[in-house]
C-alpha atoms as a PDB file:
ATOM      1  CA  MET A   1       3.730 -18.694  -0.041  1.00  0.00           C
ATOM      2  CA  ILE A   2       4.320 -22.316  -0.881  1.00  0.00           C
ATOM      3  CA  LEU A   3       2.350 -23.462  -3.927  1.00  0.00           C
ATOM      4  CA  TYR A   4       1.500 -27.077  -4.569  1.00  0.00           C
ATOM      5  CA  ALA A   5       0.533 -28.519  -7.948  1.00  0.00           C
ATOM      6  CA  ALA A   6      -2.620 -30.610  -7.987  1.00  0.00           C
ATOM      7  CA  GLY A   7      -2.022 -34.347  -7.925  1.00  0.00           C
ATOM      8  CA  ALA A   8      -3.131 -35.498 -11.381  1.00  0.00           C
ATOM      9  CA  VAL A   9      -3.661 -39.119 -10.431  1.00  0.00           C
ATOM     10  CA  LEU A  10      -5.781 -38.339  -7.357  1.00  0.00           C
ATOM     11  CA  ILE A  11      -7.809 -35.704  -9.157  1.00  0.00           C
ATOM     12  CA  ALA A  12      -8.538 -38.156 -11.960  1.00  0.00           C
ATOM     13  CA  ALA A  13      -9.707 -40.706  -9.386  1.00  0.00           C
ATOM     14  CA  VAL A  14     -12.025 -38.176  -7.749  1.00  0.00           C
ATOM     15  CA  LYS A  15     -13.453 -37.234 -11.152  1.00  0.00           C
ATOM     16  CA  ARG A  16     -14.194 -40.897 -11.828  1.00  0.00           C
ATOM     17  CA  VAL A  17     -15.966 -41.186  -8.461  1.00  0.00           C
ATOM     18  CA  VAL A  18     -18.056 -38.091  -9.245  1.00  0.00           C
ATOM     19  CA  ARG A  19     -19.044 -39.542 -12.623  1.00  0.00           C
ATOM     20  CA  ILE A  20     -19.898 -42.940 -11.110  1.00  0.00           C
ATOM     21  CA  ILE A  21     -22.136 -41.439  -8.412  1.00  0.00           C
ATOM     22  CA  GLY A  22     -23.802 -39.167 -10.959  1.00  0.00           C
ATOM     23  CA  TYR A  23     -24.950 -42.119 -13.071  1.00  0.00           C
ATOM     24  CA  LEU A  24     -26.201 -44.276 -10.195  1.00  0.00           C
ATOM     25  CA  PRO A  25     -29.866 -44.395  -9.130  1.00  0.00           C
ATOM     26  CA  LYS A  26     -30.507 -42.609  -5.831  1.00  0.00           C
ATOM     27  CA  GLY A  27     -30.614 -45.800  -3.748  1.00  0.00           C
ATOM     28  CA  ALA A  28     -27.475 -47.223  -5.329  1.00  0.00           C
ATOM     29  CA  ALA A  29     -25.707 -43.885  -4.953  1.00  0.00           C
ATOM     30  CA  ALA A  30     -26.507 -43.914  -1.235  1.00  0.00           C
ATOM     31  CA  VAL A  31     -24.971 -47.367  -0.837  1.00  0.00           C
ATOM     32  CA  PHE A  32     -21.924 -46.360  -2.905  1.00  0.00           C
ATOM     33  CA  TRP A  33     -21.414 -43.285  -0.717  1.00  0.00           C
ATOM     34  CA  VAL A  34     -21.656 -45.149   2.605  1.00  0.00           C
ATOM     35  CA  VAL A  35     -19.461 -48.077   1.523  1.00  0.00           C
ATOM     36  CA  PHE A  36     -16.778 -46.353  -0.545  1.00  0.00           C
ATOM     37  CA  ILE A  37     -16.675 -42.640   0.244  1.00  0.00           C
ATOM     38  CA  LEU A  38     -17.197 -42.297   4.004  1.00  0.00           C
ATOM     39  CA  PRO A  39     -13.919 -44.113   4.844  1.00  0.00           C
ATOM     40  CA  LEU A  40     -11.893 -41.587   2.807  1.00  0.00           C
ATOM     41  CA  PRO A  41     -11.745 -38.419   4.971  1.00  0.00           C
ATOM     42  CA  SER A  42      -8.907 -39.216   7.349  1.00  0.00           C
ATOM     43  CA  GLN A  43      -6.607 -39.994   4.445  1.00  0.00           C
ATOM     44  CA  ALA A  44      -6.015 -36.229   4.031  1.00  0.00           C
ATOM     45  CA  HIS A  45      -9.236 -35.612   2.094  1.00  0.00           C
ATOM     46  CA  GLU A  46     -10.892 -32.292   2.871  1.00  0.00           C
ATOM     47  CA  PHE A  47     -14.603 -31.920   3.566  1.00  0.00           C
ATOM     48  CA  TRP A  48     -16.342 -28.667   2.721  1.00  0.00           C
ATOM     49  CA  ILE A  49     -19.640 -26.945   1.926  1.00  0.00           C
ATOM     50  CA  GLU A  50     -20.185 -25.529  -1.535  1.00  0.00           C
ATOM     51  CA  PRO A  51     -23.408 -23.521  -2.037  1.00  0.00           C
ATOM     52  CA  SER A  52     -25.020 -23.252  -5.472  1.00  0.00           C
ATOM     53  CA  SER A  53     -24.402 -19.502  -5.168  1.00  0.00           C
ATOM     54  CA  PHE A  54     -22.101 -17.599  -2.825  1.00  0.00           C
ATOM     55  CA  GLN A  55     -23.981 -14.377  -3.658  1.00  0.00           C
ATOM     56  CA  PRO A  56     -27.688 -15.227  -3.867  1.00  0.00           C
ATOM     57  CA  ASP A  57     -30.632 -12.871  -4.026  1.00  0.00           C
ATOM     58  CA  PRO A  58     -32.817 -12.505  -0.912  1.00  0.00           C
ATOM     59  CA  ASP A  59     -35.002 -15.567  -0.324  1.00  0.00           C
ATOM     60  CA  GLN A  60     -33.474 -17.315  -3.338  1.00  0.00           C
ATOM     61  CA  SER A  61     -33.677 -21.121  -3.393  1.00  0.00           C
ATOM     62  CA  LEU A  62     -30.224 -22.548  -2.713  1.00  0.00           C
ATOM     63  CA  THR A  63     -28.533 -25.913  -2.480  1.00  0.00           C
ATOM     64  CA  ALA A  64     -25.520 -26.746  -0.323  1.00  0.00           C
ATOM     65  CA  ASP A  65     -23.269 -29.535  -1.560  1.00  0.00           C
ATOM     66  CA  LEU A  66     -21.247 -31.464   1.015  1.00  0.00           C
ATOM     67  CA  LEU A  67     -18.042 -32.325  -0.805  1.00  0.00           C
ATOM     68  CA  ILE A  68     -15.173 -34.624   0.036  1.00  0.00           C
ATOM     69  CA  GLY A  69     -11.998 -34.660  -2.003  1.00  0.00           C
ATOM     70  CA  THR A  70      -8.653 -33.019  -2.504  1.00  0.00           C
ATOM     71  CA  ASP A  71      -7.313 -29.824  -4.066  1.00  0.00           C
ATOM     72  CA  PHE A  72     -10.803 -28.238  -3.992  1.00  0.00           C
ATOM     73  CA  LEU A  73     -12.250 -30.971  -6.215  1.00  0.00           C
ATOM     74  CA  GLY A  74     -14.579 -33.489  -4.616  1.00  0.00           C
ATOM     75  CA  ALA A  75     -17.378 -35.993  -4.755  1.00  0.00           C
ATOM     76  CA  SER A  76     -20.824 -34.810  -3.685  1.00  0.00           C
ATOM     77  CA  ALA A  77     -22.187 -36.411  -0.514  1.00  0.00           C
ATOM     78  CA  ILE A  78     -25.771 -37.525  -0.178  1.00  0.00           C
ATOM     79  CA  TYR A  79     -27.996 -36.553   2.739  1.00  0.00           C
ATOM     80  CA  VAL A  80     -27.526 -39.211   5.445  1.00  0.00           C
ATOM     81  CA  PRO A  81     -29.381 -38.154   8.634  1.00  0.00           C
ATOM     82  CA  ASP A  82     -27.441 -40.531  10.887  1.00  0.00           C
ATOM     83  CA  GLN A  83     -24.175 -38.881   9.831  1.00  0.00           C
ATOM     84  CA  ILE A  84     -25.336 -35.313  10.585  1.00  0.00           C
ATOM     85  CA  GLU A  85     -25.290 -33.659  14.012  1.00  0.00           C
ATOM     86  CA  THR A  86     -25.800 -30.065  12.819  1.00  0.00           C
ATOM     87  CA  PHE A  87     -26.890 -28.601   9.480  1.00  0.00           C
ATOM     88  CA  ALA A  88     -28.234 -25.039   9.566  1.00  0.00           C
ATOM     89  CA  LEU A  89     -28.288 -21.559   8.023  1.00  0.00           C
ATOM     90  CA  LEU A  90     -27.443 -18.789  10.501  1.00  0.00           C
ATOM     91  CA  GLY A  91     -27.731 -15.007  10.481  1.00  0.00           C
ATOM     92  CA  THR A  92     -24.773 -12.773  11.393  1.00  0.00           C
ATOM     93  CA  GLY A  93     -26.012  -9.178  11.645  1.00  0.00           C
ATOM     94  CA  PRO A  94     -27.076  -7.434  14.869  1.00  0.00           C
ATOM     95  CA  LYS A  95     -30.735  -8.099  14.059  1.00  0.00           C
ATOM     96  CA  SER A  96     -30.286 -11.560  12.545  1.00  0.00           C
ATOM     97  CA  GLN A  97     -27.817 -13.354  14.837  1.00  0.00           C
ATOM     98  CA  SER A  98     -30.686 -15.165  16.525  1.00  0.00           C
ATOM     99  CA  GLU A  99     -32.007 -16.441  13.187  1.00  0.00           C
ATOM    100  CA  ARG A 100     -31.407 -20.136  12.648  1.00  0.00           C
ATOM    101  CA  TYR A 101     -32.948 -22.287   9.937  1.00  0.00           C
ATOM    102  CA  GLU A 102     -32.460 -26.040  10.232  1.00  0.00           C
ATOM    103  CA  ILE A 103     -31.572 -27.733   6.950  1.00  0.00           C
ATOM    104  CA  THR A 104     -33.245 -31.100   6.547  1.00  0.00           C
ATOM    105  CA  GLY A 105     -33.909 -33.473   3.698  1.00  0.00           C
ATOM    106  CA  ARG A 106     -34.636 -37.028   2.685  1.00  0.00           C
ATOM    107  CA  TYR A 107     -32.130 -39.845   2.809  1.00  0.00           C
ATOM    108  CA  GLY A 108     -30.175 -39.914  -0.434  1.00  0.00           C
ATOM    109  CA  ASP A 109     -30.784 -36.279  -1.443  1.00  0.00           C
ATOM    110  CA  ARG A 110     -27.917 -34.831  -3.465  1.00  0.00           C
ATOM    111  CA  PRO A 111     -27.030 -32.012  -3.050  1.00  0.00           C
ATOM    112  CA  ALA A 112     -27.550 -32.722   0.625  1.00  0.00           C
ATOM    113  CA  GLY A 113     -28.899 -29.304   1.598  1.00  0.00           C
ATOM    114  CA  LYS A 114     -31.771 -27.224   0.243  1.00  0.00           C
ATOM    115  CA  MET A 115     -32.854 -23.880   1.713  1.00  0.00           C
ATOM    116  CA  ALA A 116     -33.927 -20.293   1.055  1.00  0.00           C
ATOM    117  CA  SER A 117     -31.138 -17.717   1.340  1.00  0.00           C
ATOM    118  CA  GLY A 118     -33.149 -15.498   3.701  1.00  0.00           C
ATOM    119  CA  SER A 119     -32.828 -11.764   4.300  1.00  0.00           C
ATOM    120  CA  PRO A 120     -29.934  -9.591   3.010  1.00  0.00           C
ATOM    121  CA  GLY A 121     -26.512  -9.707   4.631  1.00  0.00           C
ATOM    122  CA  LEU A 122     -23.812 -12.250   5.437  1.00  0.00           C
ATOM    123  CA  ARG A 123     -25.047 -15.706   6.414  1.00  0.00           C
ATOM    124  CA  ILE A 124     -23.315 -18.859   7.654  1.00  0.00           C
ATOM    125  CA  ILE A 125     -24.069 -22.392   6.550  1.00  0.00           C
ATOM    126  CA  VAL A 126     -22.772 -24.774   9.234  1.00  0.00           C
ATOM    127  CA  HIS A 127     -22.490 -28.554   9.131  1.00  0.00           C
ATOM    128  CA  GLN A 128     -21.218 -30.973  11.774  1.00  0.00           C
ATOM    129  CA  THR A 129     -20.824 -34.673  11.084  1.00  0.00           C
ATOM    130  CA  ALA A 130     -21.294 -37.486  13.548  1.00  0.00           C
ATOM    131  CA  PRO A 131     -18.077 -39.231  14.649  1.00  0.00           C
ATOM    132  CA  ILE A 132     -16.814 -41.885  12.256  1.00  0.00           C
ATOM    133  CA  ARG A 133     -14.271 -44.617  12.941  1.00  0.00           C
ATOM    134  CA  LEU A 134     -11.483 -45.600  10.569  1.00  0.00           C
ATOM    135  CA  THR A 135      -8.798 -48.306  10.691  1.00  0.00           C
ATOM    136  CA  TYR A 136      -5.485 -47.922   8.871  1.00  0.00           C
ATOM    137  CA  SER A 137      -4.033 -51.277   7.845  1.00  0.00           C
ATOM    138  CA  ASP A 138      -0.923 -49.516   6.568  1.00  0.00           C
ATOM    139  CA  ALA A 139       1.165 -47.333   8.904  1.00  0.00           C
ATOM    140  CA  LYS A 140       2.561 -45.477   5.875  1.00  0.00           C
ATOM    141  CA  LYS A 141      -0.882 -44.099   5.014  1.00  0.00           C
ATOM    142  CA  PHE A 142      -1.365 -42.889   8.573  1.00  0.00           C
ATOM    143  CA  ASP A 143       2.054 -41.239   8.525  1.00  0.00           C
ATOM    144  CA  GLU A 144       1.370 -39.530   5.179  1.00  0.00           C
ATOM    145  CA  PHE A 145      -1.962 -38.160   6.431  1.00  0.00           C
ATOM    146  CA  ALA A 146      -0.419 -36.941   9.698  1.00  0.00           C
ATOM    147  CA  ARG A 147       2.477 -35.187   7.946  1.00  0.00           C
ATOM    148  CA  GLU A 148       0.181 -33.541   5.395  1.00  0.00           C
ATOM    149  CA  LYS A 149      -1.823 -32.018   8.255  1.00  0.00           C
ATOM    150  CA  GLY A 150       1.259 -30.832  10.189  1.00  0.00           C
ATOM    151  CA  PHE A 151       1.813 -33.703  12.640  1.00  0.00           C
ATOM    152  CA  ASP A 152       5.216 -34.980  11.550  1.00  0.00           C
ATOM    153  CA  ASP A 153       5.884 -36.852  14.784  1.00  0.00           C
ATOM    154  CA  ALA A 154       2.583 -38.731  15.058  1.00  0.00           C
ATOM    155  CA  LEU A 155       3.895 -42.104  13.914  1.00  0.00           C
ATOM    156  CA  ASN A 156       6.873 -41.840  16.289  1.00  0.00           C
ATOM    157  CA  GLN A 157       4.447 -41.051  19.112  1.00  0.00           C
ATOM    158  CA  HIS A 158       2.375 -44.045  18.092  1.00  0.00           C
ATOM    159  CA  GLN A 159       5.358 -46.363  18.226  1.00  0.00           C
ATOM    160  CA  GLY A 160       6.500 -44.809  21.494  1.00  0.00           C
ATOM    161  CA  ARG A 161       3.177 -45.780  23.026  1.00  0.00           C
ATOM    162  CA  GLY A 162       3.874 -49.380  22.082  1.00  0.00           C
ATOM    163  CA  LEU A 163       0.893 -49.571  19.713  1.00  0.00           C
ATOM    164  CA  PRO A 164       0.629 -51.882  16.689  1.00  0.00           C
ATOM    165  CA  LEU A 165       1.337 -50.608  13.186  1.00  0.00           C
ATOM    166  CA  ASP A 166      -0.916 -52.989  11.291  1.00  0.00           C
ATOM    167  CA  LYS A 167      -4.232 -51.714  12.682  1.00  0.00           C
ATOM    168  CA  ILE A 168      -4.143 -48.031  13.628  1.00  0.00           C
ATOM    169  CA  THR A 169      -7.601 -46.923  14.694  1.00  0.00           C
ATOM    170  CA  GLU A 170      -8.869 -43.360  14.494  1.00  0.00           C
ATOM    171  CA  ARG A 171     -12.108 -41.517  15.213  1.00  0.00           C
ATOM    172  CA  TYR A 172     -12.732 -38.362  13.214  1.00  0.00           C
ATOM    173  CA  GLN A 173     -15.362 -35.641  13.075  1.00  0.00           C
ATOM    174  CA  ARG A 174     -15.909 -32.742  10.677  1.00  0.00           C
ATOM    175  CA  TYR A 175     -16.963 -29.127  11.343  1.00  0.00           C
ATOM    176  CA  ALA A 176     -17.630 -27.143   8.146  1.00  0.00           C
ATOM    177  CA  LYS A 177     -18.764 -23.563   7.572  1.00  0.00           C
ATOM    178  CA  SER A 178     -19.538 -21.557   4.438  1.00  0.00           C
ATOM    179  CA  LEU A 179     -20.114 -17.813   4.162  1.00  0.00           C
ATOM    180  CA  ILE A 180     -22.649 -16.477   1.673  1.00  0.00           C
ATOM    181  CA  ALA A 181     -23.576 -12.845   0.933  1.00  0.00           C
ATOM    182  CA  VAL A 182     -27.287 -12.286   0.356  1.00  0.00           C
ATOM    183  CA  GLY A 183     -28.469  -9.235  -1.562  1.00  0.00           C
ATOM    184  CA  GLY A 184     -27.004  -6.515  -3.765  1.00  0.00           C
ATOM    185  CA  PRO A 185     -23.765  -4.515  -3.361  1.00  0.00           C
ATOM    186  CA  GLU A 186     -25.205  -2.280  -0.643  1.00  0.00           C
ATOM    187  CA  LYS A 187     -25.914  -5.336   1.535  1.00  0.00           C
ATOM    188  CA  MET A 188     -23.208  -7.854   0.676  1.00  0.00           C
ATOM    189  CA  GLY A 189     -20.684  -6.341   3.096  1.00  0.00           C
ATOM    190  CA  ALA A 190     -23.121  -6.341   6.027  1.00  0.00           C
ATOM    191  CA  GLY A 191     -22.569  -8.857   8.804  1.00  0.00           C
ATOM    192  CA  GLN A 192     -19.588 -10.696  10.206  1.00  0.00           C
ATOM    193  CA  ASP A 193     -18.588 -14.324  10.692  1.00  0.00           C
ATOM    194  CA  ARG A 194     -18.602 -15.353  14.343  1.00  0.00           C
ATOM    195  CA  HIS A 195     -17.370 -18.055  16.672  1.00  0.00           C
ATOM    196  CA  LEU A 196     -20.092 -20.687  16.996  1.00  0.00           C
ATOM    197  CA  GLY A 197     -18.417 -22.756  19.713  1.00  0.00           C
ATOM    198  CA  LEU A 198     -17.603 -25.780  17.555  1.00  0.00           C
ATOM    199  CA  ALA A 199     -14.988 -28.258  18.801  1.00  0.00           C
ATOM    200  CA  ILE A 200     -12.651 -26.895  16.117  1.00  0.00           C
ATOM    201  CA  GLU A 201     -13.566 -23.857  14.086  1.00  0.00           C
ATOM    202  CA  LEU A 202     -12.189 -21.423  11.537  1.00  0.00           C
ATOM    203  CA  VAL A 203     -13.508 -17.870  11.910  1.00  0.00           C
ATOM    204  CA  ALA A 204     -13.082 -15.183   9.241  1.00  0.00           C
ATOM    205  CA  GLU A 205     -12.282 -11.954  11.064  1.00  0.00           C
ATOM    206  CA  ALA A 206     -13.320  -9.802   8.108  1.00  0.00           C
ATOM    207  CA  ASN A 207     -16.209  -9.976   5.666  1.00  0.00           C
ATOM    208  CA  PRO A 208     -14.842 -11.319   2.340  1.00  0.00           C
ATOM    209  CA  TYR A 209     -17.751  -9.796   0.390  1.00  0.00           C
ATOM    210  CA  GLN A 210     -17.110  -6.160   1.271  1.00  0.00           C
ATOM    211  CA  TRP A 211     -16.331  -3.774  -1.568  1.00  0.00           C
ATOM    212  CA  PRO A 212     -13.696  -2.743  -2.526  1.00  0.00           C
ATOM    213  CA  PRO A 213     -12.357  -6.241  -1.915  1.00  0.00           C
ATOM    214  CA  LEU A 214     -10.019  -7.065   0.921  1.00  0.00           C
ATOM    215  CA  GLN A 215      -6.325  -7.464   0.180  1.00  0.00           C
ATOM    216  CA  SER A 216      -5.871 -10.171   2.803  1.00  0.00           C
ATOM    217  CA  MET A 217      -8.035 -12.335   5.035  1.00  0.00           C
ATOM    218  CA  PRO A 218      -7.423 -12.551   8.788  1.00  0.00           C
ATOM    219  CA  VAL A 219      -8.659 -15.874  10.168  1.00  0.00           C
ATOM    220  CA  ARG A 220      -8.594 -17.375  13.634  1.00  0.00           C
ATOM    221  CA  VAL A 221      -8.591 -21.027  14.648  1.00  0.00           C
ATOM    222  CA  TYR A 222     -10.451 -22.087  17.799  1.00  0.00           C
ATOM    223  CA  ALA A 223     -10.354 -25.433  19.568  1.00  0.00           C
ATOM    224  CA  ASP A 224     -12.639 -26.250  22.487  1.00  0.00           C
ATOM    225  CA  GLY A 225     -13.596 -22.577  22.729  1.00  0.00           C
ATOM    226  CA  ALA A 226     -10.066 -21.147  22.904  1.00  0.00           C
ATOM    227  CA  PRO A 227      -7.741 -19.733  20.222  1.00  0.00           C
ATOM    228  CA  LEU A 228      -5.346 -22.396  18.930  1.00  0.00           C
ATOM    229  CA  ALA A 229      -1.695 -21.355  18.623  1.00  0.00           C
ATOM    230  CA  ASN A 230       0.782 -22.925  16.170  1.00  0.00           C
ATOM    231  CA  ALA A 231      -1.956 -24.637  14.169  1.00  0.00           C
ATOM    232  CA  GLN A 232      -1.468 -25.387  10.499  1.00  0.00           C
ATOM    233  CA  ILE A 233      -4.053 -23.998   8.109  1.00  0.00           C
ATOM    234  CA  THR A 234      -4.210 -24.960   4.442  1.00  0.00           C
ATOM    235  CA  VAL A 235      -5.670 -22.475   1.975  1.00  0.00           C
ATOM    236  CA  PHE A 236      -6.965 -23.529  -1.442  1.00  0.00           C
ATOM    237  CA  THR A 237      -7.546 -20.727  -3.954  1.00  0.00           C
ATOM    238  CA  ARG A 238      -9.670 -21.636  -6.975  1.00  0.00           C
ATOM    239  CA  HIS A 239      -9.988 -19.522 -10.107  1.00  0.00           C
ATOM    240  CA  ASN A 240     -11.674 -22.343 -12.008  1.00  0.00           C
ATOM    241  CA  PRO A 241     -11.692 -26.157 -11.594  1.00  0.00           C
ATOM    242  CA  ARG A 242      -8.425 -26.415 -13.508  1.00  0.00           C
ATOM    243  CA  HIS A 243      -6.639 -23.642 -11.635  1.00  0.00           C
ATOM    244  CA  VAL A 244      -6.270 -24.296  -7.898  1.00  0.00           C
ATOM    245  CA  GLU A 245      -3.383 -23.108  -5.748  1.00  0.00           C
ATOM    246  CA  LYS A 246      -2.553 -24.438  -2.301  1.00  0.00           C
ATOM    247  CA  ALA A 247      -0.584 -22.832   0.511  1.00  0.00           C
ATOM    248  CA  LYS A 248       0.100 -23.633   4.160  1.00  0.00           C
ATOM    249  CA  TYR A 249       0.362 -21.208   7.084  1.00  0.00           C
ATOM    250  CA  GLN A 250       0.760 -21.352  10.862  1.00  0.00           C
ATOM    251  CA  THR A 251      -1.306 -19.488  13.430  1.00  0.00           C
ATOM    252  CA  ASP A 252       0.398 -17.178  15.896  1.00  0.00           C
ATOM    253  CA  ASN A 253       0.139 -17.303  19.689  1.00  0.00           C
ATOM    254  CA  ASP A 254      -3.378 -15.837  19.463  1.00  0.00           C
ATOM    255  CA  GLY A 255      -4.548 -18.429  16.943  1.00  0.00           C
ATOM    256  CA  ARG A 256      -4.479 -15.938  14.056  1.00  0.00           C
ATOM    257  CA  SER A 257      -3.129 -16.069  10.531  1.00  0.00           C
ATOM    258  CA  ASN A 258      -3.472 -13.995   7.356  1.00  0.00           C
ATOM    259  CA  PHE A 259      -3.372 -14.906   3.691  1.00  0.00           C
ATOM    260  CA  LEU A 260      -3.566 -13.028   0.406  1.00  0.00           C
ATOM    261  CA  LEU A 261      -6.950 -12.565  -1.275  1.00  0.00           C
ATOM    262  CA  LEU A 262      -7.620 -12.174  -4.989  1.00  0.00           C
ATOM    263  CA  ALA A 263     -10.873 -10.904  -6.484  1.00  0.00           C
ATOM    264  CA  GLY A 264     -12.978 -13.389  -8.409  1.00  0.00           C
ATOM    265  CA  ARG A 265     -11.687 -16.436  -6.503  1.00  0.00           C
ATOM    266  CA  ASP A 266     -13.276 -19.143  -4.344  1.00  0.00           C
ATOM    267  CA  TYR A 267     -11.507 -20.092  -1.107  1.00  0.00           C
ATOM    268  CA  LEU A 268     -11.373 -23.230   1.005  1.00  0.00           C
ATOM    269  CA  VAL A 269      -9.538 -23.027   4.336  1.00  0.00           C
ATOM    270  CA  ASP A 270      -8.803 -26.223   6.253  1.00  0.00           C
ATOM    271  CA  SER A 271      -7.311 -27.018   9.656  1.00  0.00           C
ATOM    272  CA  VAL A 272      -7.006 -30.312  11.545  1.00  0.00           C
ATOM    273  CA  ILE A 273      -6.195 -31.431  15.074  1.00  0.00           C
ATOM    274  CA  LEU A 274      -4.788 -34.946  15.456  1.00  0.00           C
ATOM    275  CA  ARG A 275      -4.359 -36.152  19.028  1.00  0.00           C
ATOM    276  CA  PRO A 276      -3.785 -39.467  20.796  1.00  0.00           C
ATOM    277  CA  MET A 277      -6.622 -40.924  22.814  1.00  0.00           C
ATOM    278  CA  ASP A 278      -5.825 -40.946  26.519  1.00  0.00           C
ATOM    279  CA  GLY A 279      -5.725 -44.009  28.726  1.00  0.00           C
ATOM    280  CA  ALA A 280      -4.696 -47.588  28.195  1.00  0.00           C
ATOM    281  CA  ILE A 281      -5.394 -48.972  24.746  1.00  0.00           C
ATOM    282  CA  GLU A 282      -7.086 -52.333  24.677  1.00  0.00           C
ATOM    283  CA  SER A 283      -7.768 -54.435  21.625  1.00  0.00           C
ATOM    284  CA  GLY A 284     -10.313 -52.630  19.446  1.00  0.00           C
ATOM    285  CA  ASP A 285     -10.012 -49.270  21.227  1.00  0.00           C
ATOM    286  CA  VAL A 286      -9.597 -46.027  19.280  1.00  0.00           C
ATOM    287  CA  MET A 287      -5.964 -44.909  19.325  1.00  0.00           C
ATOM    288  CA  TRP A 288      -6.233 -41.464  17.710  1.00  0.00           C
ATOM    289  CA  GLU A 289      -8.806 -38.731  17.315  1.00  0.00           C
ATOM    290  CA  SER A 290      -8.894 -36.104  14.565  1.00  0.00           C
ATOM    291  CA  ILE A 291     -11.220 -33.131  14.280  1.00  0.00           C
ATOM    292  CA  TRP A 292     -11.417 -31.130  11.071  1.00  0.00           C
ATOM    293  CA  ALA A 293     -12.465 -27.540  10.402  1.00  0.00           C
ATOM    294  CA  SER A 294     -13.203 -26.034   6.999  1.00  0.00           C
ATOM    295  CA  LEU A 295     -14.387 -22.635   5.801  1.00  0.00           C
ATOM    296  CA  THR A 296     -15.469 -21.666   2.287  1.00  0.00           C
ATOM    297  CA  PHE A 297     -16.257 -18.266   0.823  1.00  0.00           C
ATOM    298  CA  GLN A 298     -15.886 -16.248  -2.354  1.00  0.00           C
ATOM    299  CA  VAL A 299     -14.246 -12.922  -3.091  1.00  0.00           C
ATOM    300  CA  PRO A 300     -16.432 -11.206  -5.738  1.00  0.00           C
ATOM    301  CA  ALA A 301     -14.869  -9.995  -8.957  1.00  0.00           C
ATOM    302  CA  ASN A 302     -17.214  -7.009  -8.871  1.00  0.00           C
ATOM    303  CA  PRO A 303     -20.292  -6.026  -6.911  1.00  0.00           C
ATOM    304  CA  LYS A 304     -23.411  -7.929  -7.877  1.00  0.00           C
ATOM    305  CA  MET A 305     -25.843  -5.423  -9.397  1.00  0.00           C
END
C-alpha cells in the first residue's frame, strides 16, 4: 500500500473556504459556491456524499452533504437544482430494491440533501451532477490532474492531436454513491450494493456493515455498463479529520480490486475516466471529457445497539 501525507497547504485552503461559506448568508453562499467552487473539481478535487449518520435508526431524519475537496476534507455544496440530474435514496434488499425516494430541496440549502432513512437494511444515496465545462489556462495544471488520476500520457496525447496548450477545455460529470446501514445490529448487514447503470460507477461487492467486520473490501468499477479493467481507484481511509490515509490500486481484467478495511473508519473510494473528445476540434469545442465515480461508507467499530 502506498500512503500519501495530506497536503498541508491545500487542506488549509479548503478549511478557509469552509469557514468563509459558513459565515455567509444563504444567498451570498450560493453565489460564492457557483463562482468559486464549481470550477474546482477537475483539478483533482474529489466529490463525495457524506450523510449525517452512516448508521441511522429507521425513519430517522438525515442530511446528505455534497462535499468537494481533497484528502477527505471538503467544502459543503449548496443545493443547486440546475446542477443535479439525480439525487435519491434507494433500497437494496429483495423487498426494497424497488424503493426510491427522490431527494429535493430549495436553492441554497446546505446540507444539500434532507431525507428520512427509511426501513431497516442497507440503503444507497446516489447523486449525479449535470455536465460542467472547465478551461485550463495552464497546461501544467491539466497534466498534474491527469497524472494524479492515472493518465500519465494525457498531455502528450493532447500535443499529438495538435491542440493548443493555453486553453485546454474539458467537460466533466460526477457520479457519487454512499452506503448507509439503517437499524440495529441484526439489520445492519442486510442488503447489498448494486450496479445502478451509471456512466461510471463503483460497486461494493460486500456489505461493509456486516458483523464481525470484513477484513477487506472487494469493489468493482463499471463504465458504460461494463466492468472496467486497469482502472485506477484511490482509497481514502479516515479515522478522524486529522488522520487520513490514501492509497492507489488498479482493477484487474474483470474490473475488480480489493483493499484492506479497518473497524471504526470512514472510507471514500474514487475513480476517474479521462478521455479525448472524438472528431475535429474547432475553436471553443470541448477537447477532453472526464467522468468521476465516488463511493463512501463506514466500517463500524462495534454493532450499534
